């Protein structure tokens, strides 16, 4: 994800402050989007681990030649 562009240098201090506030808000939105992808990735990993654990349990229950 691309970073927000740095604010341009302003001669008016209030305009400079507004530019930096806008920059901070844009960067915060990027962090929220990145955190959303992290939550998605963790959900995928949890589902994969559950699927793998179920497969291991299924294989562990098989009997060898029907005797054990």
N, C-alpha and C. Protein backbone atom coordinates (compact mmCIF):
# COMPACT_ATOMS: atom_id res chain seq x y z
N UNK A 1 0.85 -1.16 0.00
CA UNK A 1 0.00 0.00 0.00
C UNK A 1 0.89 1.23 0.00
N UNK A 2 0.52 2.19 -0.79
CA UNK A 2 1.31 3.41 -0.90
C UNK A 2 1.02 4.34 0.28
N UNK A 3 2.07 5.03 0.66
CA UNK A 3 1.91 6.04 1.72
C UNK A 3 1.26 7.29 1.14
N UNK A 4 0.65 8.04 2.01
CA UNK A 4 0.08 9.33 1.62
C UNK A 4 1.22 10.27 1.26
N UNK A 5 1.02 11.14 0.30
CA UNK A 5 2.10 12.08 -0.04
C UNK A 5 2.33 13.07 1.10
N UNK A 6 3.58 13.39 1.32
CA UNK A 6 3.92 14.36 2.36
C UNK A 6 3.34 15.72 1.99
N UNK A 7 2.90 16.46 2.98
CA UNK A 7 2.30 17.77 2.68
C UNK A 7 3.35 18.75 2.15
N UNK A 8 2.89 19.59 1.27
CA UNK A 8 3.77 20.63 0.71
C UNK A 8 4.02 21.71 1.76
N UNK A 9 5.14 22.38 1.61
CA UNK A 9 5.47 23.48 2.52
C UNK A 9 4.54 24.65 2.24
N UNK A 10 3.88 25.12 3.28
CA UNK A 10 2.95 26.26 3.17
C UNK A 10 3.55 27.46 3.89
N UNK A 11 3.27 28.66 3.40
CA UNK A 11 3.75 29.87 4.07
C UNK A 11 2.87 30.23 5.26
N UNK A 12 1.61 29.86 5.20
CA UNK A 12 0.67 30.14 6.28
C UNK A 12 0.72 28.98 7.29
N UNK A 13 1.02 29.26 8.57
CA UNK A 13 1.10 28.19 9.57
C UNK A 13 -0.20 27.38 9.71
N UNK A 14 -1.34 28.04 9.61
CA UNK A 14 -2.61 27.32 9.71
C UNK A 14 -2.80 26.38 8.53
N UNK A 15 -2.45 26.83 7.35
CA UNK A 15 -2.53 25.97 6.17
C UNK A 15 -1.58 24.79 6.29
N UNK A 16 -0.39 25.04 6.86
CA UNK A 16 0.58 23.96 7.07
C UNK A 16 0.05 22.94 8.06
N UNK A 17 -0.57 23.41 9.12
CA UNK A 17 -1.16 22.52 10.11
C UNK A 17 -2.26 21.67 9.49
N UNK A 18 -3.12 22.31 8.69
CA UNK A 18 -4.19 21.58 8.03
C UNK A 18 -3.63 20.51 7.08
N UNK A 19 -2.55 20.85 6.40
CA UNK A 19 -1.93 19.89 5.48
C UNK A 19 -1.39 18.68 6.24
N UNK A 20 -0.76 18.92 7.40
CA UNK A 20 -0.24 17.82 8.20
C UNK A 20 -1.36 16.98 8.81
N UNK A 21 -2.44 17.62 9.20
CA UNK A 21 -3.59 16.87 9.73
C UNK A 21 -4.16 15.97 8.63
N UNK A 22 -4.28 16.52 7.43
CA UNK A 22 -4.76 15.71 6.31
C UNK A 22 -3.84 14.54 6.02
N UNK A 23 -2.54 14.78 6.10
CA UNK A 23 -1.56 13.71 5.91
C UNK A 23 -1.73 12.62 6.97
N UNK A 24 -1.88 13.04 8.22
CA UNK A 24 -2.06 12.07 9.30
C UNK A 24 -3.32 11.24 9.13
N UNK A 25 -4.38 11.88 8.69
CA UNK A 25 -5.64 11.15 8.48
C UNK A 25 -5.49 10.12 7.35
N UNK A 26 -4.81 10.52 6.29
CA UNK A 26 -4.61 9.60 5.17
C UNK A 26 -3.75 8.42 5.59
N UNK A 27 -2.71 8.67 6.37
CA UNK A 27 -1.87 7.57 6.85
C UNK A 27 -2.64 6.64 7.79
N UNK A 28 -3.49 7.21 8.64
CA UNK A 28 -4.30 6.39 9.55
C UNK A 28 -5.24 5.50 8.76
N UNK A 29 -5.78 5.98 7.68
CA UNK A 29 -6.66 5.15 6.84
C UNK A 29 -5.87 4.00 6.24
N UNK A 30 -4.62 4.24 5.87
CA UNK A 30 -3.78 3.16 5.34
C UNK A 30 -3.54 2.09 6.39
N UNK A 31 -3.32 2.49 7.63
CA UNK A 31 -3.09 1.53 8.72
C UNK A 31 -4.34 0.68 8.93
N UNK A 32 -5.51 1.30 8.91
CA UNK A 32 -6.75 0.55 9.10
C UNK A 32 -6.95 -0.47 7.99
N UNK A 33 -6.63 -0.09 6.75
CA UNK A 33 -6.76 -1.03 5.63
C UNK A 33 -5.77 -2.18 5.79
N UNK A 34 -4.54 -1.88 6.21
CA UNK A 34 -3.54 -2.93 6.40
C UNK A 34 -3.95 -3.86 7.54
N UNK A 35 -4.50 -3.32 8.60
CA UNK A 35 -4.96 -4.16 9.71
C UNK A 35 -6.10 -5.07 9.27
N UNK A 36 -6.95 -4.58 8.39
CA UNK A 36 -8.04 -5.40 7.86
C UNK A 36 -7.50 -6.59 7.10
N UNK A 37 -6.43 -6.39 6.34
CA UNK A 37 -5.82 -7.51 5.62
C UNK A 37 -5.19 -8.50 6.58
N UNK A 38 -4.64 -8.01 7.69
CA UNK A 38 -4.06 -8.90 8.69
C UNK A 38 -5.13 -9.79 9.30
N UNK A 39 -6.28 -9.22 9.62
CA UNK A 39 -7.38 -10.00 10.18
C UNK A 39 -7.83 -11.06 9.17
N UNK A 40 -7.92 -10.69 7.90
CA UNK A 40 -8.30 -11.65 6.86
C UNK A 40 -7.30 -12.80 6.78
N UNK A 41 -6.02 -12.48 6.80
CA UNK A 41 -4.98 -13.51 6.71
C UNK A 41 -5.03 -14.43 7.92
N UNK A 42 -5.27 -13.88 9.10
CA UNK A 42 -5.36 -14.72 10.30
C UNK A 42 -6.56 -15.66 10.21
N UNK A 43 -7.67 -15.19 9.66
CA UNK A 43 -8.85 -16.04 9.48
C UNK A 43 -8.56 -17.19 8.53
N UNK A 44 -7.86 -16.90 7.46
CA UNK A 44 -7.48 -17.96 6.51
C UNK A 44 -6.60 -18.99 7.20
N UNK A 45 -5.62 -18.52 7.96
CA UNK A 45 -4.72 -19.45 8.66
C UNK A 45 -5.48 -20.32 9.66
N UNK A 46 -6.42 -19.75 10.38
CA UNK A 46 -7.20 -20.52 11.35
C UNK A 46 -8.00 -21.61 10.65
N UNK A 47 -8.62 -21.27 9.51
CA UNK A 47 -9.40 -22.27 8.78
C UNK A 47 -8.50 -23.37 8.22
N UNK A 48 -7.32 -23.01 7.73
CA UNK A 48 -6.38 -24.01 7.22
C UNK A 48 -5.90 -24.93 8.33
N UNK A 49 -5.59 -24.37 9.49
CA UNK A 49 -5.14 -25.19 10.60
C UNK A 49 -6.23 -26.13 11.08
N UNK A 50 -7.48 -25.68 11.10
CA UNK A 50 -8.59 -26.53 11.50
C UNK A 50 -8.78 -27.67 10.49
N UNK A 51 -8.68 -27.35 9.20
CA UNK A 51 -8.79 -28.37 8.17
C UNK A 51 -7.67 -29.41 8.30
N UNK A 52 -6.45 -28.94 8.54
CA UNK A 52 -5.32 -29.85 8.69
C UNK A 52 -5.48 -30.74 9.92
N UNK A 53 -5.93 -30.16 11.02
CA UNK A 53 -6.14 -30.94 12.25
C UNK A 53 -7.21 -32.01 12.03
N UNK A 54 -8.26 -31.69 11.31
CA UNK A 54 -9.31 -32.67 11.03
C UNK A 54 -8.76 -33.80 10.16
N UNK A 55 -7.91 -33.47 9.21
CA UNK A 55 -7.32 -34.50 8.35
C UNK A 55 -6.42 -35.42 9.17
N UNK A 56 -5.65 -34.87 10.09
CA UNK A 56 -4.78 -35.69 10.94
C UNK A 56 -5.61 -36.61 11.82
N UNK A 57 -6.70 -36.09 12.40
CA UNK A 57 -7.57 -36.94 13.24
C UNK A 57 -8.18 -38.08 12.42
N UNK A 58 -8.57 -37.78 11.20
CA UNK A 58 -9.18 -38.79 10.34
C UNK A 58 -8.17 -39.89 10.03
N UNK A 59 -6.95 -39.52 9.71
CA UNK A 59 -5.91 -40.52 9.40
C UNK A 59 -5.55 -41.31 10.65
N UNK A 60 -5.51 -40.69 11.81
CA UNK A 60 -5.13 -41.36 13.04
C UNK A 60 -6.15 -42.42 13.44
N UNK A 61 -7.41 -42.31 13.01
CA UNK A 61 -8.44 -43.28 13.38
C UNK A 61 -8.45 -44.51 12.50
N UNK A 62 -7.73 -44.50 11.39
CA UNK A 62 -7.73 -45.66 10.49
C UNK A 62 -7.08 -46.85 11.16
N UNK A 63 -7.63 -48.02 10.92
CA UNK A 63 -7.08 -49.25 11.47
C UNK A 63 -6.13 -49.87 10.44
N UNK A 64 -5.11 -50.49 10.93
CA UNK A 64 -4.16 -51.17 10.04
C UNK A 64 -4.69 -52.56 9.76
N UNK A 65 -4.99 -52.83 8.52
CA UNK A 65 -5.55 -54.11 8.06
C UNK A 65 -6.83 -54.47 8.81
N UNK A 66 -7.50 -53.48 9.37
CA UNK A 66 -8.75 -53.73 10.08
C UNK A 66 -8.56 -54.37 11.44
N UNK A 67 -7.33 -54.49 11.91
CA UNK A 67 -7.06 -55.17 13.19
C UNK A 67 -6.83 -54.21 14.34
N UNK A 68 -6.20 -53.13 14.08
CA UNK A 68 -5.81 -52.22 15.17
C UNK A 68 -6.61 -50.96 15.15
